[in-house]
Amino acid sequence: MFTGNRATHAGGGSGGGAGALSLWEVALMLFGVAAILVIRRRPANA
């Protein structure tokens, strides 16, 4: 995906500390949770 300057800035995730998550990591986490919810809801509604 987007592996550029942000990849080195985010590092291994715990580079800046658990409380200093970058916007990129938070966005990926929210996107993953939303995708899981959508995938779970589709079969249930259908």
N, C-alpha and C. Protein backbone atom coordinates (compact mmCIF):
# COMPACT_ATOMS: atom_id res chain seq x y z
N MET A 1 0.85 -1.20 0.00
CA MET A 1 0.00 0.00 0.00
C MET A 1 0.88 1.24 0.00
N PHE A 2 0.60 2.20 0.85
CA PHE A 2 1.39 3.42 0.88
C PHE A 2 2.57 3.23 1.82
N THR A 3 3.69 2.78 1.26
CA THR A 3 4.89 2.59 2.09
C THR A 3 5.93 3.60 1.64
N GLY A 4 5.88 4.79 2.20
CA GLY A 4 6.83 5.83 1.83
C GLY A 4 7.45 6.45 3.05
N ASN A 5 7.38 7.78 3.16
CA ASN A 5 7.96 8.46 4.32
C ASN A 5 7.18 8.12 5.58
N ARG A 6 5.90 7.85 5.45
CA ARG A 6 5.08 7.56 6.64
C ARG A 6 5.46 6.22 7.23
N ALA A 7 5.97 5.31 6.41
CA ALA A 7 6.35 4.00 6.92
C ALA A 7 7.50 4.15 7.91
N THR A 8 8.48 4.99 7.57
CA THR A 8 9.61 5.18 8.47
C THR A 8 9.19 6.01 9.67
N HIS A 9 8.21 6.89 9.48
CA HIS A 9 7.75 7.74 10.59
C HIS A 9 6.98 6.91 11.60
N ALA A 10 6.16 5.99 11.11
CA ALA A 10 5.37 5.15 12.02
C ALA A 10 6.27 4.10 12.66
N GLY A 11 7.24 3.61 11.91
CA GLY A 11 8.16 2.62 12.46
C GLY A 11 7.44 1.31 12.76
N GLY A 12 7.76 0.70 13.89
CA GLY A 12 7.16 -0.57 14.26
C GLY A 12 5.85 -0.40 15.00
N GLY A 13 5.36 0.82 15.08
CA GLY A 13 4.10 1.06 15.78
C GLY A 13 4.33 1.59 17.18
N SER A 14 5.32 1.02 17.88
CA SER A 14 5.58 1.44 19.26
C SER A 14 6.82 2.33 19.32
N GLY A 15 7.17 2.93 18.18
CA GLY A 15 8.37 3.77 18.16
C GLY A 15 8.16 5.04 18.96
N GLY A 16 7.02 5.69 18.75
CA GLY A 16 6.76 6.95 19.45
C GLY A 16 6.03 6.72 20.76
N GLY A 17 5.68 5.50 21.05
CA GLY A 17 4.96 5.22 22.29
C GLY A 17 3.53 4.82 21.99
N ALA A 18 2.90 4.11 22.92
CA ALA A 18 1.54 3.62 22.70
C ALA A 18 0.54 4.78 22.66
N GLY A 19 0.84 5.85 23.38
CA GLY A 19 -0.10 6.97 23.44
C GLY A 19 0.11 7.96 22.30
N ALA A 20 1.16 7.73 21.49
CA ALA A 20 1.45 8.67 20.41
C ALA A 20 1.27 8.00 19.06
N LEU A 21 0.11 7.40 18.87
CA LEU A 21 -0.15 6.76 17.58
C LEU A 21 -0.32 7.82 16.50
N SER A 22 0.25 7.55 15.33
CA SER A 22 0.14 8.50 14.24
C SER A 22 -1.26 8.42 13.62
N LEU A 23 -1.64 9.47 12.91
CA LEU A 23 -2.95 9.49 12.26
C LEU A 23 -3.07 8.35 11.27
N TRP A 24 -1.96 8.00 10.63
CA TRP A 24 -1.99 6.94 9.62
C TRP A 24 -2.36 5.61 10.27
N GLU A 25 -1.77 5.31 11.44
CA GLU A 25 -2.07 4.05 12.12
C GLU A 25 -3.51 4.03 12.59
N VAL A 26 -3.99 5.16 13.15
CA VAL A 26 -5.38 5.22 13.62
C VAL A 26 -6.34 5.05 12.44
N ALA A 27 -6.02 5.67 11.31
CA ALA A 27 -6.89 5.56 10.13
C ALA A 27 -6.95 4.11 9.64
N LEU A 28 -5.81 3.45 9.62
CA LEU A 28 -5.79 2.04 9.18
C LEU A 28 -6.59 1.17 10.13
N MET A 29 -6.46 1.43 11.43
CA MET A 29 -7.21 0.63 12.41
C MET A 29 -8.71 0.83 12.24
N LEU A 30 -9.14 2.09 12.10
CA LEU A 30 -10.57 2.37 11.94
C LEU A 30 -11.09 1.76 10.65
N PHE A 31 -10.28 1.85 9.58
CA PHE A 31 -10.71 1.29 8.30
C PHE A 31 -10.86 -0.23 8.40
N GLY A 32 -9.94 -0.87 9.11
CA GLY A 32 -10.02 -2.32 9.27
C GLY A 32 -11.25 -2.73 10.06
N VAL A 33 -11.54 -2.00 11.14
CA VAL A 33 -12.72 -2.31 11.96
C VAL A 33 -13.98 -2.10 11.15
N ALA A 34 -14.04 -1.01 10.40
CA ALA A 34 -15.23 -0.72 9.58
C ALA A 34 -15.41 -1.81 8.53
N ALA A 35 -14.32 -2.26 7.93
CA ALA A 35 -14.42 -3.30 6.90
C ALA A 35 -14.95 -4.59 7.51
N ILE A 36 -14.47 -4.93 8.71
CA ILE A 36 -14.93 -6.16 9.36
C ILE A 36 -16.43 -6.05 9.67
N LEU A 37 -16.86 -4.89 10.15
CA LEU A 37 -18.28 -4.72 10.47
C LEU A 37 -19.14 -4.84 9.21
N VAL A 38 -18.69 -4.24 8.11
CA VAL A 38 -19.46 -4.30 6.86
C VAL A 38 -19.52 -5.74 6.35
N ILE A 39 -18.40 -6.44 6.42
CA ILE A 39 -18.38 -7.83 5.93
C ILE A 39 -19.29 -8.71 6.80
N ARG A 40 -19.32 -8.43 8.09
CA ARG A 40 -20.17 -9.24 8.99
C ARG A 40 -21.65 -8.93 8.77
N ARG A 41 -21.95 -7.67 8.48
CA ARG A 41 -23.37 -7.29 8.34
C ARG A 41 -23.96 -7.80 7.03
N ARG A 42 -23.15 -7.84 5.98
CA ARG A 42 -23.70 -8.23 4.67
C ARG A 42 -24.33 -9.63 4.68
N PRO A 43 -23.63 -10.66 5.13
CA PRO A 43 -24.24 -12.00 5.14
C PRO A 43 -25.45 -12.07 6.07
N ALA A 44 -25.44 -11.32 7.16
CA ALA A 44 -26.53 -11.36 8.11
C ALA A 44 -27.80 -10.74 7.50
N ASN A 45 -27.63 -9.61 6.81
CA ASN A 45 -28.79 -8.96 6.21
C ASN A 45 -29.28 -9.73 5.00
N ALA A 46 -28.36 -10.35 4.26
CA ALA A 46 -28.76 -11.08 3.06
C ALA A 46 -29.29 -12.45 3.46
